Amino acid sequence: MEKPIILVTNDDGVMAPGIRHLVQFMLELGEVVVVAPDKPQSGMGHAVTIVNPLRLEKITVDGGHEEYKCSGTPVDCVKLAVNKVVKRKPDLLVSGINHGSNSSINVIYSGTMSAAIEGAMEDIPSIGFSLLDYRFDADFMSSKKFVQTIASNVLKNGLPKGICLNVNIPAVKEKDIKGIQVCRQARANWEEEFDHRNDPRGKDYYWLTGRFRLHENSQETDEYALENNYVSVVPVQFDFTAHGLIPEIQKWKFDA
């Protein structure tokens, strides 16, 4: 049988330790093709490059598989990979492993998850993986068993059209992870603050800071799962329509 084609991307850049580990994990499951940003693209969300030309360069890092670095965003990487690189539609797209959490509201801002969502839009079973550790030297090996288990299940069972998975992994030793919990996104938000400063020439500039505010403590959420050392798996869809509200709004009077 032909090996499954697994497209690997991320938002931390092609040389980030997270993606280097993910590539090695996926090589045990299929034929890997890497198309990833040539520099960090965290927080880019679903941005695409429309003003500047995109550069795509073939590189050799670990050897034995096809690999490219791209000058664009994570979503650019997926679009280019599907249209110009892979020989057929990938059987699986994996994005990550992200350095830091993409649970709860963070999914909106995440380049890691936007790449997975773009994969779902292309009807490719897709997963975004994140480890709750921002350190460059984070222990990604502790996540190997869980990453491979989830990826293998998606390869075997597929995903519904338009759905991808948001997977977050606690930053603890493998022996301390209690299991995998399928759950929903917690209700939360960021309370932003902008630190106002002046540069040496007296001009204003700002650093974005803020606090993460969790608005519930339900055992059904990703935040609860992660707090209790479970890997959280949240099915995500790109259809933002509030379907339940349509009948109510249709009753409104829109006469000019």
Protein backbone atom coordinates (compact mmCIF):
# COMPACT_ATOMS: atom_id res chain seq x y z
CA MET A 1 0.00 0.00 0.00
CA GLU A 2 1.06 3.57 -0.70
CA LYS A 3 2.25 5.43 2.38
CA PRO A 4 0.02 8.29 3.56
CA ILE A 5 1.31 11.73 2.64
CA ILE A 6 1.62 13.94 5.73
CA LEU A 7 2.04 17.69 5.22
CA VAL A 8 3.85 19.34 8.15
CA THR A 9 3.86 23.08 8.87
CA ASN A 10 3.93 25.48 11.82
CA ASP A 11 4.06 29.14 12.82
CA ASP A 12 7.29 29.22 14.85
CA GLY A 13 9.51 28.81 11.79
CA VAL A 14 10.96 25.82 9.97
CA MET A 15 13.92 25.46 12.34
CA ALA A 16 11.94 25.64 15.60
CA PRO A 17 12.43 22.59 17.85
CA GLY A 18 8.68 21.92 17.89
CA ILE A 19 8.40 21.27 14.17
CA ARG A 20 11.71 19.36 14.08
CA HIS A 21 10.25 16.92 16.64
CA LEU A 22 6.91 16.76 14.83
CA VAL A 23 8.66 15.83 11.58
CA GLN A 24 10.44 12.94 13.30
CA PHE A 25 7.19 11.75 14.90
CA MET A 26 5.37 11.81 11.54
CA LEU A 27 8.15 10.03 9.65
CA GLU A 28 7.13 6.92 11.62
CA LEU A 29 3.58 7.22 10.24
CA GLY A 30 3.99 8.12 6.58
CA GLU A 31 5.69 10.09 3.81
CA VAL A 32 6.44 13.58 5.12
CA VAL A 33 6.47 16.84 3.17
CA VAL A 34 7.38 20.00 5.09
CA VAL A 35 6.38 23.51 4.00
CA ALA A 36 6.89 25.98 6.84
CA PRO A 37 7.68 29.67 7.36
CA ASP A 38 11.30 30.77 7.10
CA LYS A 39 10.88 32.88 10.28
CA PRO A 40 8.53 33.02 13.29
CA GLN A 41 4.94 33.89 12.38
CA SER A 42 3.22 33.54 15.77
CA GLY A 43 -0.06 35.41 16.22
CA MET A 44 -0.61 35.81 12.47
CA GLY A 45 -4.00 34.10 12.61
CA HIS A 46 -5.39 33.44 9.13
CA ALA A 47 -3.34 36.15 7.41
CA VAL A 48 -2.32 35.68 3.78
CA THR A 49 0.32 37.54 1.78
CA ILE A 50 -1.20 39.65 -1.02
CA VAL A 51 1.20 42.61 -1.42
CA ASN A 52 4.62 40.97 -1.55
CA PRO A 53 5.74 38.00 -3.67
CA LEU A 54 6.11 34.66 -1.92
CA ARG A 55 9.45 32.84 -1.92
CA LEU A 56 9.64 29.07 -1.68
CA GLU A 57 13.04 27.43 -1.25
CA LYS A 58 13.82 23.73 -1.07
CA ILE A 59 16.03 22.90 1.90
CA THR A 60 17.68 19.89 3.51
CA VAL A 61 17.54 19.65 7.29
CA ASP A 62 17.11 16.06 8.46
CA GLY A 63 17.24 14.41 5.03
CA GLY A 64 15.09 11.64 3.61
CA HIS A 65 12.02 13.74 2.93
CA GLU A 66 10.93 16.80 0.94
CA GLU A 67 11.22 20.11 2.77
CA TYR A 68 10.69 23.78 1.90
CA LYS A 69 10.88 27.11 3.68
CA CYS A 70 8.42 29.83 2.69
CA SER A 71 8.63 33.60 3.14
CA GLY A 72 4.91 33.84 3.95
CA THR A 73 2.47 33.04 6.72
CA PRO A 74 1.40 29.58 7.91
CA VAL A 75 -1.71 29.82 5.71
CA ASP A 76 0.47 30.80 2.73
CA CYS A 77 2.52 27.67 3.41
CA VAL A 78 -0.54 25.42 3.24
CA LYS A 79 -1.87 27.07 0.09
CA LEU A 80 1.49 26.79 -1.68
CA ALA A 81 2.00 23.22 -0.51
CA VAL A 82 -1.37 22.07 -1.83
CA ASN A 83 -1.11 23.96 -5.11
CA LYS A 84 2.59 23.67 -5.97
CA VAL A 85 4.42 21.08 -3.88
CA VAL A 86 2.60 17.87 -2.97
CA LYS A 87 2.01 15.34 -5.74
CA ARG A 88 -1.54 14.66 -4.55
CA LYS A 89 -3.83 15.83 -1.78
CA PRO A 90 -2.22 15.01 1.59
CA ASP A 91 -3.85 12.34 3.73
CA LEU A 92 -3.09 14.41 6.82
CA LEU A 93 -1.93 17.91 7.70
CA VAL A 94 -0.24 18.52 11.05
CA SER A 95 0.74 21.95 12.32
CA GLY A 96 3.11 22.58 15.23
CA ILE A 97 4.26 21.54 17.64
CA ASN A 98 3.63 25.08 18.83
CA HIS A 99 5.76 26.56 21.59
CA GLY A 100 2.97 27.59 24.00
CA SER A 101 -0.77 27.18 24.49
CA ASN A 102 -3.44 27.51 21.81
CA SER A 103 -6.32 26.55 24.09
CA SER A 104 -9.55 28.49 24.55
CA ILE A 105 -9.71 31.91 22.81
CA ASN A 106 -6.08 31.62 21.68
CA VAL A 107 -7.29 29.53 18.73
CA ILE A 108 -8.51 32.77 17.11
CA TYR A 109 -5.06 34.35 17.01
CA SER A 110 -2.97 31.26 16.39
CA GLY A 111 -0.99 30.80 13.20
CA THR A 112 -0.59 27.14 14.15
CA MET A 113 -4.34 26.60 14.21
CA SER A 114 -5.00 28.77 11.17
CA ALA A 115 -2.78 26.43 9.16
CA ALA A 116 -4.88 23.50 10.40
CA ILE A 117 -8.10 25.35 9.61
CA GLU A 118 -6.80 26.10 6.10
CA GLY A 119 -6.13 22.39 5.72
CA ALA A 120 -9.73 21.65 6.74
CA MET A 121 -10.91 24.20 4.17
CA GLU A 122 -8.97 22.19 1.57
CA ASP A 123 -10.77 19.04 2.80
CA ILE A 124 -7.58 17.63 4.34
CA PRO A 125 -7.87 15.98 7.77
CA SER A 126 -5.88 18.43 9.88
CA ILE A 127 -4.54 18.79 13.41
CA GLY A 128 -2.86 21.65 15.26
CA PHE A 129 -0.55 20.55 18.08
CA SER A 130 0.64 22.82 20.90
CA LEU A 131 2.75 22.23 24.00
CA LEU A 132 2.13 24.46 27.01
CA ASP A 133 5.79 25.43 27.25
CA TYR A 134 7.19 28.57 25.59
CA ARG A 135 10.82 27.66 26.20
CA PHE A 136 13.05 27.02 23.19
CA ASP A 137 14.39 23.88 24.89
CA ALA A 138 10.97 22.51 25.90
CA ASP A 139 10.66 18.72 26.32
CA PHE A 140 8.74 17.75 23.18
CA MET A 141 9.59 14.07 23.51
CA SER A 142 7.06 13.73 26.33
CA SER A 143 4.34 14.51 23.79
CA LYS A 144 5.39 11.91 21.20
CA LYS A 145 3.02 9.10 22.24
CA PHE A 146 0.00 11.40 22.32
CA VAL A 147 0.83 13.17 19.05
CA GLN A 148 1.24 9.85 17.24
CA THR A 149 -1.87 8.34 18.81
CA ILE A 150 -4.08 11.25 17.75
CA ALA A 151 -2.52 11.49 14.27
CA SER A 152 -2.92 7.73 13.73
CA ASN A 153 -6.58 7.91 14.70
CA VAL A 154 -7.21 10.74 12.24
CA LEU A 155 -5.42 8.81 9.48
CA LYS A 156 -7.59 5.79 10.25
CA ASN A 157 -10.95 7.45 10.88
CA GLY A 158 -10.72 10.76 9.02
CA LEU A 159 -12.55 13.92 10.06
CA PRO A 160 -15.81 15.45 8.83
CA LYS A 161 -15.48 18.01 6.06
CA GLY A 162 -14.63 21.43 7.45
CA ILE A 163 -13.48 20.16 10.85
CA CYS A 164 -9.95 20.06 12.31
CA LEU A 165 -8.59 19.26 15.76
CA ASN A 166 -6.98 21.63 18.23
CA VAL A 167 -4.69 19.58 20.47
CA ASN A 168 -2.96 21.05 23.51
CA ILE A 169 -0.50 19.10 25.65
CA PRO A 170 0.42 19.86 29.29
CA ALA A 171 4.05 20.74 29.95
CA VAL A 172 4.69 17.76 32.24
CA LYS A 173 6.53 14.45 31.97
CA GLU A 174 4.80 11.75 29.90
CA LYS A 175 4.21 9.65 33.05
CA ASP A 176 2.28 12.54 34.61
CA ILE A 177 -0.17 12.95 31.71
CA LYS A 178 -3.42 11.23 32.73
CA GLY A 179 -4.74 10.65 29.21
CA ILE A 180 -6.56 12.34 26.34
CA GLN A 181 -9.78 14.27 26.89
CA VAL A 182 -12.08 15.33 24.04
CA CYS A 183 -13.67 18.58 25.15
CA ARG A 184 -14.89 22.02 24.14
CA GLN A 185 -13.20 25.40 24.02
CA ALA A 186 -13.39 27.29 27.33
CA ARG A 187 -14.97 30.75 27.49
CA ALA A 188 -12.17 33.22 28.10
CA ASN A 189 -10.62 36.41 26.79
CA TRP A 190 -7.52 38.53 26.97
CA GLU A 191 -7.63 41.85 28.79
CA GLU A 192 -5.09 43.80 26.78
CA GLU A 193 -2.85 46.52 28.07
CA PHE A 194 -0.44 48.60 26.01
CA ASP A 195 2.77 49.64 27.71
CA HIS A 196 3.48 53.15 26.40
CA ARG A 197 7.17 54.01 25.97
CA ASN A 198 9.38 56.47 24.14
CA ASP A 199 12.29 55.59 21.90
CA PRO A 200 15.67 57.42 22.04
CA ARG A 201 14.33 59.98 19.54
CA GLY A 202 11.32 60.75 21.72
CA LYS A 203 8.77 58.98 19.55
CA ASP A 204 5.99 56.90 21.05
CA TYR A 205 5.80 53.14 20.80
CA TYR A 206 3.77 50.44 22.52
CA TRP A 207 4.30 46.89 23.82
CA LEU A 208 1.21 44.70 23.94
CA THR A 209 0.71 43.01 27.31
CA GLY A 210 -2.35 41.56 29.00
CA ARG A 211 -4.01 39.02 31.26
CA PHE A 212 -5.79 35.83 30.33
CA ARG A 213 -9.26 35.76 31.92
CA LEU A 214 -11.09 32.43 32.22
CA HIS A 215 -14.86 32.84 32.63
CA GLU A 216 -15.84 29.32 33.66
CA ASN A 217 -14.53 26.25 35.44
CA SER A 218 -16.49 23.54 33.66
CA GLN A 219 -15.02 20.05 33.54
CA GLU A 220 -16.05 19.92 29.87
CA THR A 221 -13.45 22.48 28.72
CA ASP A 222 -9.91 22.37 27.38
CA GLU A 223 -8.65 24.63 30.16
CA TYR A 224 -9.95 22.23 32.82
CA ALA A 225 -8.42 19.25 31.04
CA LEU A 226 -5.01 20.91 30.77
CA GLU A 227 -5.09 22.12 34.37
CA ASN A 228 -5.63 18.50 35.40
CA ASN A 229 -2.82 17.11 33.19
CA TYR A 230 -4.93 15.76 30.36
CA VAL A 231 -4.18 16.31 26.67
CA SER A 232 -7.11 18.37 25.36
CA VAL A 233 -8.65 17.63 21.94
CA VAL A 234 -11.17 20.19 20.66
CA PRO A 235 -12.92 19.76 17.28
CA VAL A 236 -12.80 23.14 15.50
CA GLN A 237 -14.81 24.39 12.53
CA PHE A 238 -14.29 27.43 10.34
CA ASP A 239 -18.01 28.14 9.88
CA PHE A 240 -18.53 31.01 12.36
CA THR A 241 -22.27 31.23 11.67
CA ALA A 242 -24.44 31.36 14.80
CA HIS A 243 -27.02 29.06 13.22
CA GLY A 244 -29.34 29.07 16.23
CA LEU A 245 -29.77 32.84 16.03
CA ILE A 246 -30.82 32.99 12.36
CA PRO A 247 -34.58 32.38 12.98
CA GLU A 248 -34.65 35.09 15.67
CA ILE A 249 -32.91 37.72 13.51
CA GLN A 250 -35.19 36.83 10.58
CA LYS A 251 -38.09 38.16 12.72
CA TRP A 252 -36.52 41.64 12.89
CA LYS A 253 -37.98 44.46 10.84
CA PHE A 254 -35.44 45.72 8.35
CA ASP A 255 -37.70 48.23 6.59
CA ALA A 256 -35.81 51.35 5.59
